[in-house]
PDB file of N, CA and C in Angstrom:
ATOM      1  N   MET A   1     204.376 -56.518  -0.641  1.00  0.00           N
ATOM      2  CA  MET A   1     203.622 -56.442   0.722  1.00  0.00           C
ATOM      3  C   MET A   1     203.451 -55.032   1.030  1.00  0.00           C
ATOM      4  N   GLY A   2     202.191 -54.579   1.451  1.00  0.00           N
ATOM      5  CA  GLY A   2     201.874 -53.312   1.909  1.00  0.00           C
ATOM      6  C   GLY A   2     202.401 -53.007   3.318  1.00  0.00           C
ATOM      7  N   GLN A   3     202.595 -51.866   3.681  1.00  0.00           N
ATOM      8  CA  GLN A   3     202.989 -51.347   4.834  1.00  0.00           C
ATOM      9  C   GLN A   3     201.821 -51.405   5.981  1.00  0.00           C
ATOM     10  N   SER A   4     202.093 -51.692   7.044  1.00  0.00           N
ATOM     11  CA  SER A   4     201.046 -51.809   8.301  1.00  0.00           C
ATOM     12  C   SER A   4     201.196 -50.346   8.886  1.00  0.00           C
ATOM     13  N   THR A   5     200.040 -49.879   9.349  1.00  0.00           N
ATOM     14  CA  THR A   5     200.067 -48.639  10.179  1.00  0.00           C
ATOM     15  C   THR A   5     199.970 -49.052  11.717  1.00  0.00           C
ATOM     16  N   GLY A   6     199.620 -50.135  12.041  1.00  0.00           N
ATOM     17  CA  GLY A   6     199.315 -50.582  13.423  1.00  0.00           C
ATOM     18  C   GLY A   6     200.454 -51.502  13.787  1.00  0.00           C
ATOM     19  N   PRO A   7     200.262 -51.908  15.224  1.00  0.00           N
ATOM     20  CA  PRO A   7     201.265 -53.013  15.624  1.00  0.00           C
ATOM     21  C   PRO A   7     201.233 -54.349  14.789  1.00  0.00           C
ATOM     22  N   GLN A   8     202.394 -54.950  14.653  1.00  0.00           N
ATOM     23  CA  GLN A   8     202.381 -56.214  14.076  1.00  0.00           C
ATOM     24  C   GLN A   8     202.173 -57.248  14.998  1.00  0.00           C
ATOM     25  N   ILE A   9     200.978 -57.873  14.749  1.00  0.00           N
ATOM     26  CA  ILE A   9     200.381 -58.981  15.548  1.00  0.00           C
ATOM     27  C   ILE A   9     200.642 -60.170  14.952  1.00  0.00           C
ATOM     28  N   ARG A  10     201.317 -61.212  15.509  1.00  0.00           N
ATOM     29  CA  ARG A  10     201.591 -62.332  14.889  1.00  0.00           C
ATOM     30  C   ARG A  10     200.941 -63.568  15.619  1.00  0.00           C
ATOM     31  N   MET A  11     200.808 -64.610  14.641  1.00  0.00           N
ATOM     32  CA  MET A  11     200.331 -65.948  15.344  1.00  0.00           C
ATOM     33  C   MET A  11     201.238 -66.710  15.687  1.00  0.00           C
ATOM     34  N   GLY A  12     201.135 -67.346  16.904  1.00  0.00           N
ATOM     35  CA  GLY A  12     201.934 -68.192  17.441  1.00  0.00           C
ATOM     36  C   GLY A  12     201.681 -69.716  16.901  1.00  0.00           C
ATOM     37  N   SER A  13     202.512 -70.662  17.177  1.00  0.00           N
ATOM     38  CA  SER A  13     202.304 -72.046  16.809  1.00  0.00           C
ATOM     39  C   SER A  13     200.856 -72.583  17.204  1.00  0.00           C
ATOM     40  N   GLY A  14     200.279 -72.217  18.317  1.00  0.00           N
ATOM     41  CA  GLY A  14     199.268 -72.834  18.824  1.00  0.00           C
ATOM     42  C   GLY A  14     197.909 -71.951  18.160  1.00  0.00           C
ATOM     43  N   GLY A  15     198.313 -71.047  17.261  1.00  0.00           N
ATOM     44  CA  GLY A  15     197.144 -70.277  16.672  1.00  0.00           C
ATOM     45  C   GLY A  15     196.824 -68.999  17.644  1.00  0.00           C
ATOM     46  N   MET A  16     197.393 -68.809  18.691  1.00  0.00           N
ATOM     47  CA  MET A  16     197.043 -67.676  19.572  1.00  0.00           C
ATOM     48  C   MET A  16     197.758 -66.459  18.961  1.00  0.00           C
ATOM     49  N   THR A  17     197.211 -65.234  19.159  1.00  0.00           N
ATOM     50  CA  THR A  17     197.760 -64.090  18.688  1.00  0.00           C
ATOM     51  C   THR A  17     198.615 -63.553  19.871  1.00  0.00           C
ATOM     52  N   VAL A  18     199.858 -63.160  19.588  1.00  0.00           N
ATOM     53  CA  VAL A  18     200.764 -62.738  20.499  1.00  0.00           C
ATOM     54  C   VAL A  18     201.210 -61.340  20.191  1.00  0.00           C
ATOM     55  N   LEU A  19     201.578 -60.566  21.250  1.00  0.00           N
ATOM     56  CA  LEU A  19     202.175 -59.183  21.074  1.00  0.00           C
ATOM     57  C   LEU A  19     203.523 -59.057  21.648  1.00  0.00           C
ATOM     58  N   THR A  20     204.431 -58.072  21.137  1.00  0.00           N
ATOM     59  CA  THR A  20     205.683 -57.984  21.623  1.00  0.00           C
ATOM     60  C   THR A  20     205.410 -56.946  22.809  1.00  0.00           C
ATOM     61  N   THR A  21     206.571 -56.761  23.646  1.00  0.00           N
ATOM     62  CA  THR A  21     206.727 -55.780  24.851  1.00  0.00           C
ATOM     63  C   THR A  21     206.283 -54.279  24.355  1.00  0.00           C
ATOM     64  N   ALA A  22     206.795 -54.029  23.096  1.00  0.00           N
ATOM     65  CA  ALA A  22     206.538 -52.683  22.578  1.00  0.00           C
ATOM     66  C   ALA A  22     204.947 -52.549  22.153  1.00  0.00           C
ATOM     67  N   GLU A  23     204.308 -53.505  21.526  1.00  0.00           N
ATOM     68  CA  GLU A  23     202.994 -53.525  21.227  1.00  0.00           C
ATOM     69  C   GLU A  23     202.087 -53.228  22.491  1.00  0.00           C
ATOM     70  N   VAL A  24     202.344 -54.223  23.489  1.00  0.00           N
ATOM     71  CA  VAL A  24     201.783 -54.085  24.930  1.00  0.00           C
ATOM     72  C   VAL A  24     201.881 -52.621  25.436  1.00  0.00           C
ATOM     73  N   ALA A  25     203.121 -52.113  25.281  1.00  0.00           N
ATOM     74  CA  ALA A  25     203.241 -50.772  25.853  1.00  0.00           C
ATOM     75  C   ALA A  25     202.435 -49.717  24.991  1.00  0.00           C
ATOM     76  N   GLY A  26     202.290 -49.936  23.654  1.00  0.00           N
ATOM     77  CA  GLY A  26     201.326 -49.012  22.914  1.00  0.00           C
ATOM     78  C   GLY A  26     199.949 -49.140  23.288  1.00  0.00           C
ATOM     79  N   LEU A  27     199.515 -50.459  23.438  1.00  0.00           N
ATOM     80  CA  LEU A  27     198.215 -50.753  23.925  1.00  0.00           C
ATOM     81  C   LEU A  27     197.701 -50.171  25.273  1.00  0.00           C
ATOM     82  N   LEU A  28     198.760 -50.115  26.107  1.00  0.00           N
ATOM     83  CA  LEU A  28     198.418 -49.477  27.595  1.00  0.00           C
ATOM     84  C   LEU A  28     199.048 -48.179  27.705  1.00  0.00           C
ATOM     85  N   ARG A  29     199.624 -47.594  26.573  1.00  0.00           N
ATOM     86  CA  ARG A  29     200.045 -46.138  26.560  1.00  0.00           C
ATOM     87  C   ARG A  29     200.995 -46.023  27.654  1.00  0.00           C
ATOM     88  N   CYS A  30     202.067 -46.919  27.662  1.00  0.00           N
ATOM     89  CA  CYS A  30     203.149 -46.706  28.788  1.00  0.00           C
ATOM     90  C   CYS A  30     204.347 -47.028  28.117  1.00  0.00           C
ATOM     91  N   SER A  31     205.442 -46.944  28.710  1.00  0.00           N
ATOM     92  CA  SER A  31     206.797 -47.378  28.190  1.00  0.00           C
ATOM     93  C   SER A  31     207.099 -48.762  28.243  1.00  0.00           C
ATOM     94  N   PRO A  32     207.910 -49.236  27.321  1.00  0.00           N
ATOM     95  CA  PRO A  32     208.212 -50.707  27.375  1.00  0.00           C
ATOM     96  C   PRO A  32     208.799 -51.245  28.602  1.00  0.00           C
ATOM     97  N   ALA A  33     209.460 -50.114  29.301  1.00  0.00           N
ATOM     98  CA  ALA A  33     210.236 -50.573  30.493  1.00  0.00           C
ATOM     99  C   ALA A  33     209.092 -50.724  31.556  1.00  0.00           C
ATOM    100  N   THR A  34     208.048 -50.009  31.504  1.00  0.00           N
ATOM    101  CA  THR A  34     206.836 -50.313  32.478  1.00  0.00           C
ATOM    102  C   THR A  34     206.215 -51.551  32.178  1.00  0.00           C
ATOM    103  N   VAL A  35     206.201 -51.931  31.001  1.00  0.00           N
ATOM    104  CA  VAL A  35     205.611 -53.386  30.695  1.00  0.00           C
ATOM    105  C   VAL A  35     206.575 -54.443  31.256  1.00  0.00           C
ATOM    106  N   LEU A  36     208.016 -54.237  31.073  1.00  0.00           N
ATOM    107  CA  LEU A  36     208.840 -55.158  31.641  1.00  0.00           C
ATOM    108  C   LEU A  36     208.865 -55.213  33.184  1.00  0.00           C
ATOM    109  N   ARG A  37     208.699 -53.975  33.722  1.00  0.00           N
ATOM    110  CA  ARG A  37     208.617 -54.120  35.341  1.00  0.00           C
ATOM    111  C   ARG A  37     207.205 -54.722  35.728  1.00  0.00           C
ATOM    112  N   TRP A  38     206.203 -54.435  34.989  1.00  0.00           N
ATOM    113  CA  TRP A  38     204.972 -55.099  35.459  1.00  0.00           C
ATOM    114  C   TRP A  38     205.016 -56.629  35.364  1.00  0.00           C
ATOM    115  N   HIS A  39     205.591 -56.971  34.205  1.00  0.00           N
ATOM    116  CA  HIS A  39     205.869 -58.382  33.991  1.00  0.00           C
ATOM    117  C   HIS A  39     206.739 -59.090  35.051  1.00  0.00           C
ATOM    118  N   ASP A  40     207.812 -58.523  35.418  1.00  0.00           N
ATOM    119  CA  ASP A  40     208.706 -58.947  36.370  1.00  0.00           C
ATOM    120  C   ASP A  40     208.068 -59.035  37.707  1.00  0.00           C
ATOM    121  N   ARG A  41     207.052 -58.095  38.084  1.00  0.00           N
ATOM    122  CA  ARG A  41     206.497 -58.112  39.351  1.00  0.00           C
ATOM    123  C   ARG A  41     205.088 -59.127  39.256  1.00  0.00           C
ATOM    124  N   ARG A  42     204.959 -59.608  38.030  1.00  0.00           N
ATOM    125  CA  ARG A  42     203.882 -60.651  37.794  1.00  0.00           C
ATOM    126  C   ARG A  42     202.492 -59.744  37.901  1.00  0.00           C
ATOM    127  N   GLN A  43     202.478 -58.618  37.421  1.00  0.00           N
ATOM    128  CA  GLN A  43     201.363 -57.634  37.535  1.00  0.00           C
ATOM    129  C   GLN A  43     200.473 -57.721  36.164  1.00  0.00           C
ATOM    130  N   LEU A  44     201.185 -58.380  35.136  1.00  0.00           N
ATOM    131  CA  LEU A  44     200.460 -58.418  33.938  1.00  0.00           C
ATOM    132  C   LEU A  44     200.229 -59.847  33.570  1.00  0.00           C
ATOM    133  N   PRO A  45     199.189 -60.174  32.879  1.00  0.00           N
ATOM    134  CA  PRO A  45     198.813 -61.634  32.577  1.00  0.00           C
ATOM    135  C   PRO A  45     199.436 -61.915  31.213  1.00  0.00           C
ATOM    136  N   GLY A  46     199.515 -63.204  30.860  1.00  0.00           N
ATOM    137  CA  GLY A  46     199.679 -63.635  29.547  1.00  0.00           C
ATOM    138  C   GLY A  46     201.074 -63.618  28.959  1.00  0.00           C
ATOM    139  N   GLY A  47     202.109 -63.112  29.840  1.00  0.00           N
ATOM    140  CA  GLY A  47     203.574 -63.128  29.418  1.00  0.00           C
ATOM    141  C   GLY A  47     204.228 -64.411  29.340  1.00  0.00           C
ATOM    142  N   PHE A  48     205.118 -64.521  28.363  1.00  0.00           N
ATOM    143  CA  PHE A  48     205.947 -65.858  28.391  1.00  0.00           C
ATOM    144  C   PHE A  48     207.090 -65.460  27.579  1.00  0.00           C
ATOM    145  N   ARG A  49     208.132 -66.317  27.770  1.00  0.00           N
ATOM    146  CA  ARG A  49     209.285 -66.117  26.997  1.00  0.00           C
ATOM    147  C   ARG A  49     209.474 -67.212  25.815  1.00  0.00           C
ATOM    148  N   LEU A  50     209.900 -66.769  24.808  1.00  0.00           N
ATOM    149  CA  LEU A  50     210.329 -67.525  23.591  1.00  0.00           C
ATOM    150  C   LEU A  50     211.758 -68.383  23.717  1.00  0.00           C
ATOM    151  N   PRO A  51     212.096 -69.258  23.229  1.00  0.00           N
ATOM    152  CA  PRO A  51     213.302 -70.024  23.411  1.00  0.00           C
ATOM    153  C   PRO A  51     214.465 -68.970  23.462  1.00  0.00           C
ATOM    154  N   GLY A  52     214.379 -68.125  22.623  1.00  0.00           N
ATOM    155  CA  GLY A  52     215.575 -67.209  22.489  1.00  0.00           C
ATOM    156  C   GLY A  52     215.628 -66.203  23.683  1.00  0.00           C
ATOM    157  N   GLY A  53     214.441 -66.090  24.553  1.00  0.00           N
ATOM    158  CA  GLY A  53     214.487 -65.340  25.643  1.00  0.00           C
ATOM    159  C   GLY A  53     213.427 -63.961  25.380  1.00  0.00           C
ATOM    160  N   GLN A  54     212.940 -63.683  24.108  1.00  0.00           N
ATOM    161  CA  GLN A  54     212.187 -62.639  24.026  1.00  0.00           C
ATOM    162  C   GLN A  54     210.759 -62.721  24.783  1.00  0.00           C
ATOM    163  N   LEU A  55     210.363 -61.686  25.172  1.00  0.00           N
ATOM    164  CA  LEU A  55     209.166 -61.635  25.819  1.00  0.00           C
ATOM    165  C   LEU A  55     207.937 -61.385  24.832  1.00  0.00           C
ATOM    166  N   ARG A  56     206.845 -62.274  25.075  1.00  0.00           N
ATOM    167  CA  ARG A  56     205.653 -62.080  24.273  1.00  0.00           C
ATOM    168  C   ARG A  56     204.441 -62.100  25.225  1.00  0.00           C
ATOM    169  N   PHE A  57     203.215 -61.551  24.723  1.00  0.00           N
ATOM    170  CA  PHE A  57     202.115 -61.613  25.565  1.00  0.00           C
ATOM    171  C   PHE A  57     200.942 -62.192  24.893  1.00  0.00           C
ATOM    172  N   ARG A  58     200.142 -63.124  25.422  1.00  0.00           N
ATOM    173  CA  ARG A  58     198.911 -63.685  24.792  1.00  0.00           C
ATOM    174  C   ARG A  58     197.890 -62.379  24.726  1.00  0.00           C
ATOM    175  N   GLU A  59     197.589 -62.073  23.413  1.00  0.00           N
ATOM    176  CA  GLU A  59     196.621 -60.948  23.352  1.00  0.00           C
ATOM    177  C   GLU A  59     195.464 -61.152  24.169  1.00  0.00           C
ATOM    178  N   ALA A  60     194.701 -62.308  24.009  1.00  0.00           N
ATOM    179  CA  ALA A  60     193.345 -62.531  24.606  1.00  0.00           C
ATOM    180  C   ALA A  60     193.403 -62.473  26.115  1.00  0.00           C
ATOM    181  N   GLU A  61     194.554 -62.999  26.874  1.00  0.00           N
ATOM    182  CA  GLU A  61     194.573 -62.802  28.129  1.00  0.00           C
ATOM    183  C   GLU A  61     194.760 -61.358  28.653  1.00  0.00           C
ATOM    184  N   LEU A  62     195.527 -60.602  27.761  1.00  0.00           N
ATOM    185  CA  LEU A  62     195.813 -59.217  28.233  1.00  0.00           C
ATOM    186  C   LEU A  62     194.663 -58.358  27.934  1.00  0.00           C
ATOM    187  N   LEU A  63     193.868 -58.675  26.911  1.00  0.00           N
ATOM    188  CA  LEU A  63     192.625 -57.884  26.658  1.00  0.00           C
ATOM    189  C   LEU A  63     191.552 -58.216  27.678  1.00  0.00           C
ATOM    190  N   THR A  64     191.440 -59.446  28.060  1.00  0.00           N
ATOM    191  CA  THR A  64     190.500 -59.911  29.129  1.00  0.00           C
ATOM    192  C   THR A  64     190.797 -59.165  30.416  1.00  0.00           C
ATOM    193  N   TRP A  65     191.968 -59.039  30.771  1.00  0.00           N
ATOM    194  CA  TRP A  65     192.530 -58.297  31.976  1.00  0.00           C
ATOM    195  C   TRP A  65     192.336 -56.983  31.940  1.00  0.00           C
ATOM    196  N   ILE A  66     192.411 -56.158  30.757  1.00  0.00           N
ATOM    197  CA  ILE A  66     192.174 -54.858  30.636  1.00  0.00           C
ATOM    198  C   ILE A  66     190.822 -54.652  30.832  1.00  0.00           C
ATOM    199  N   GLU A  67     189.957 -55.387  30.175  1.00  0.00           N
ATOM    200  CA  GLU A  67     188.449 -55.225  30.512  1.00  0.00           C
ATOM    201  C   GLU A  67     188.063 -55.290  31.801  1.00  0.00           C
ATOM    202  N   ARG A  68     188.760 -56.345  32.671  1.00  0.00           N
ATOM    203  CA  ARG A  68     188.380 -56.511  33.930  1.00  0.00           C
ATOM    204  C   ARG A  68     188.956 -55.498  34.952  1.00  0.00           C
ATOM    205  N   GLU A  69     189.960 -54.814  34.653  1.00  0.00           N
ATOM    206  CA  GLU A  69     190.601 -53.828  35.476  1.00  0.00           C
ATOM    207  C   GLU A  69     189.717 -52.522  35.449  1.00  0.00           C
ATOM    208  N   ASP A  70     189.478 -51.909  36.653  1.00  0.00           N
ATOM    209  CA  ASP A  70     189.013 -50.604  36.842  1.00  0.00           C
ATOM    210  C   ASP A  70     190.174 -49.547  36.876  1.00  0.00           C
ATOM    211  N   THR A  71     190.436 -48.760  35.949  1.00  0.00           N
ATOM    212  CA  THR A  71     191.577 -47.878  36.039  1.00  0.00           C
ATOM    213  C   THR A  71     191.686 -46.997  37.319  1.00  0.00           C
ATOM    214  N   MET A  72     190.517 -46.782  37.883  1.00  0.00           N
ATOM    215  CA  MET A  72     190.635 -46.024  39.133  1.00  0.00           C
ATOM    216  C   MET A  72     190.916 -46.627  40.371  1.00  0.00           C
ATOM    217  N   SER A  73     190.680 -48.036  40.284  1.00  0.00           N
ATOM    218  CA  SER A  73     191.017 -48.858  41.476  1.00  0.00           C
ATOM    219  C   SER A  73     192.191 -49.829  41.215  1.00  0.00           C
ATOM    220  N   SER A  74     192.785 -49.791  40.056  1.00  0.00           N
ATOM    221  CA  SER A  74     193.886 -50.737  39.816  1.00  0.00           C
ATOM    222  C   SER A  74     195.186 -49.896  39.882  1.00  0.00           C
ATOM    223  N   PRO A  75     195.971 -50.455  41.046  1.00  0.00           N
ATOM    224  CA  PRO A  75     197.386 -49.786  41.172  1.00  0.00           C
ATOM    225  C   PRO A  75     198.227 -49.889  40.044  1.00  0.00           C
ATOM    226  N   VAL A  76     197.990 -50.902  39.350  1.00  0.00           N
ATOM    227  CA  VAL A  76     198.923 -51.170  38.128  1.00  0.00           C
ATOM    228  C   VAL A  76     198.573 -50.207  36.963  1.00  0.00           C
ATOM    229  N   LEU A  77     197.358 -50.002  36.666  1.00  0.00           N
ATOM    230  CA  LEU A  77     197.120 -49.183  35.557  1.00  0.00           C
ATOM    231  C   LEU A  77     197.000 -47.849  35.951  1.00  0.00           C
ATOM    232  N   ARG A  78     196.801 -47.437  37.244  1.00  0.00           N
ATOM    233  CA  ARG A  78     196.893 -46.196  37.760  1.00  0.00           C
ATOM    234  C   ARG A  78     198.339 -45.661  37.752  1.00  0.00           C
ATOM    235  N   GLU A  79     199.522 -46.631  37.787  1.00  0.00           N
ATOM    236  CA  GLU A  79     200.873 -46.217  37.517  1.00  0.00           C
ATOM    237  C   GLU A  79     201.034 -45.564  36.194  1.00  0.00           C
ATOM    238  N   ALA A  80     200.346 -46.141  35.191  1.00  0.00           N
ATOM    239  CA  ALA A  80     200.708 -45.765  33.787  1.00  0.00           C
ATOM    240  C   ALA A  80     200.020 -44.271  33.596  1.00  0.00           C
ATOM    241  N   MET A  81     198.919 -44.000  34.406  1.00  0.00           N
ATOM    242  CA  MET A  81     198.303 -42.577  34.130  1.00  0.00           C
ATOM    243  C   MET A  81     199.138 -41.368  34.464  1.00  0.00           C
TER     244      MET A  81
END
């Protein structure tokens, strides 16, 4: 197996692409702690917990949200800047 240079994106059982907290943090250029805080405040879409408690995000929902948000008017994304 070759080494990957980017985030490890995995397919869930329903065929959806899911991201880890660290991968979302890299995508948004913020810390994993910020991703967790936004998730806890229900400011990020697509988050769900696996049976073991690990947090994952549905990539499609997150990317749609990012495209919709205006970084100048979004308090969530402005916090990351």
